[in-house]
Amino acid sequence: MRKWQELILNSLLNFSMALVAGGFLKLVLDKGSVISSVIVIVCGVYLFGFLSILTYNSDKEK
């Protein structure tokens, strides 16, 4: 994997973890918007899972 690919994937993985953390924080601080908090958490988990599989497959080909 090239260095620029590694940096992009790392930043996207950090973004997905920020989505999960932000969703939990929104859930704790604002009880009225439970659905939007859950949607943000699910999007973060989905993005993290997709990027993890992508990273695993690209490392496996190398």
C-alpha atoms as a PDB file:
ATOM      1  CA  MET A   1       0.000   0.000   0.000  1.00  0.00           C
ATOM      2  CA  ARG A   2       1.346   3.396  -0.922  1.00  0.00           C
ATOM      3  CA  LYS A   3       1.844   6.058   1.691  1.00  0.00           C
ATOM      4  CA  TRP A   4      -0.884   8.368   0.324  1.00  0.00           C
ATOM      5  CA  GLN A   5      -3.383   5.487   0.326  1.00  0.00           C
ATOM      6  CA  GLU A   6      -2.461   4.656   3.892  1.00  0.00           C
ATOM      7  CA  LEU A   7      -2.945   8.295   4.950  1.00  0.00           C
ATOM      8  CA  ILE A   8      -6.339   8.562   3.247  1.00  0.00           C
ATOM      9  CA  LEU A   9      -7.588   5.314   4.782  1.00  0.00           C
ATOM     10  CA  ASN A  10      -6.289   6.352   8.193  1.00  0.00           C
ATOM     11  CA  SER A  11      -8.086   9.686   8.010  1.00  0.00           C
ATOM     12  CA  LEU A  12     -11.332   8.010   6.919  1.00  0.00           C
ATOM     13  CA  LEU A  13     -11.059   5.489   9.759  1.00  0.00           C
ATOM     14  CA  ASN A  14     -10.573   8.374  12.189  1.00  0.00           C
ATOM     15  CA  PHE A  15     -13.613  10.114  10.684  1.00  0.00           C
ATOM     16  CA  SER A  16     -15.751   7.001  11.173  1.00  0.00           C
ATOM     17  CA  MET A  17     -14.689   6.759  14.824  1.00  0.00           C
ATOM     18  CA  ALA A  18     -15.516  10.459  15.236  1.00  0.00           C
ATOM     19  CA  LEU A  19     -19.004   9.752  13.864  1.00  0.00           C
ATOM     20  CA  VAL A  20     -19.518   6.980  16.416  1.00  0.00           C
ATOM     21  CA  ALA A  21     -18.226   9.124  19.283  1.00  0.00           C
ATOM     22  CA  GLY A  22     -20.294  12.103  18.135  1.00  0.00           C
ATOM     23  CA  GLY A  23     -23.398   9.940  17.918  1.00  0.00           C
ATOM     24  CA  PHE A  24     -22.926   8.686  21.464  1.00  0.00           C
ATOM     25  CA  LEU A  25     -22.261  12.206  22.708  1.00  0.00           C
ATOM     26  CA  LYS A  26     -25.376  13.519  20.974  1.00  0.00           C
ATOM     27  CA  LEU A  27     -27.368  10.642  22.445  1.00  0.00           C
ATOM     28  CA  VAL A  28     -26.197  11.412  25.969  1.00  0.00           C
ATOM     29  CA  LEU A  29     -26.586  15.194  25.769  1.00  0.00           C
ATOM     30  CA  ASP A  30     -29.813  15.434  23.764  1.00  0.00           C
ATOM     31  CA  LYS A  31     -32.429  12.810  24.616  1.00  0.00           C
ATOM     32  CA  GLY A  32     -34.929  14.249  22.120  1.00  0.00           C
ATOM     33  CA  SER A  33     -33.028  13.200  19.021  1.00  0.00           C
ATOM     34  CA  VAL A  34     -32.497   9.513  19.603  1.00  0.00           C
ATOM     35  CA  ILE A  35     -33.185   8.481  16.006  1.00  0.00           C
ATOM     36  CA  SER A  36     -30.648  10.858  14.493  1.00  0.00           C
ATOM     37  CA  SER A  37     -28.044   9.804  17.076  1.00  0.00           C
ATOM     38  CA  VAL A  38     -28.567   6.148  16.236  1.00  0.00           C
ATOM     39  CA  ILE A  39     -28.330   6.907  12.508  1.00  0.00           C
ATOM     40  CA  VAL A  40     -25.001   8.722  13.019  1.00  0.00           C
ATOM     41  CA  ILE A  41     -23.658   5.813  15.101  1.00  0.00           C
ATOM     42  CA  VAL A  42     -24.769   3.232  12.515  1.00  0.00           C
ATOM     43  CA  CYS A  43     -23.201   5.245   9.677  1.00  0.00           C
ATOM     44  CA  GLY A  44     -19.925   5.434  11.608  1.00  0.00           C
ATOM     45  CA  VAL A  45     -19.897   1.710  12.331  1.00  0.00           C
ATOM     46  CA  TYR A  46     -20.790   0.879   8.716  1.00  0.00           C
ATOM     47  CA  LEU A  47     -18.056   3.158   7.360  1.00  0.00           C
ATOM     48  CA  PHE A  48     -15.508   1.704   9.798  1.00  0.00           C
ATOM     49  CA  GLY A  49     -16.421  -1.853   8.824  1.00  0.00           C
ATOM     50  CA  PHE A  50     -16.257  -1.105   5.099  1.00  0.00           C
ATOM     51  CA  LEU A  51     -12.883   0.616   5.398  1.00  0.00           C
ATOM     52  CA  SER A  52     -11.496  -2.173   7.593  1.00  0.00           C
ATOM     53  CA  ILE A  53     -12.443  -4.779   4.982  1.00  0.00           C
ATOM     54  CA  LEU A  54     -10.995  -2.598   2.226  1.00  0.00           C
ATOM     55  CA  THR A  55      -7.739  -2.172   4.118  1.00  0.00           C
ATOM     56  CA  TYR A  56      -7.534  -5.901   4.901  1.00  0.00           C
ATOM     57  CA  ASN A  57      -8.057  -6.840   1.243  1.00  0.00           C
ATOM     58  CA  SER A  58      -5.492  -4.340  -0.023  1.00  0.00           C
ATOM     59  CA  ASP A  59      -2.897  -5.573   2.497  1.00  0.00           C
ATOM     60  CA  LYS A  60      -3.692  -9.178   1.629  1.00  0.00           C
ATOM     61  CA  GLU A  61      -3.034  -8.575  -2.092  1.00  0.00           C
ATOM     62  CA  LYS A  62       0.344  -7.085  -1.277  1.00  0.00           C
END
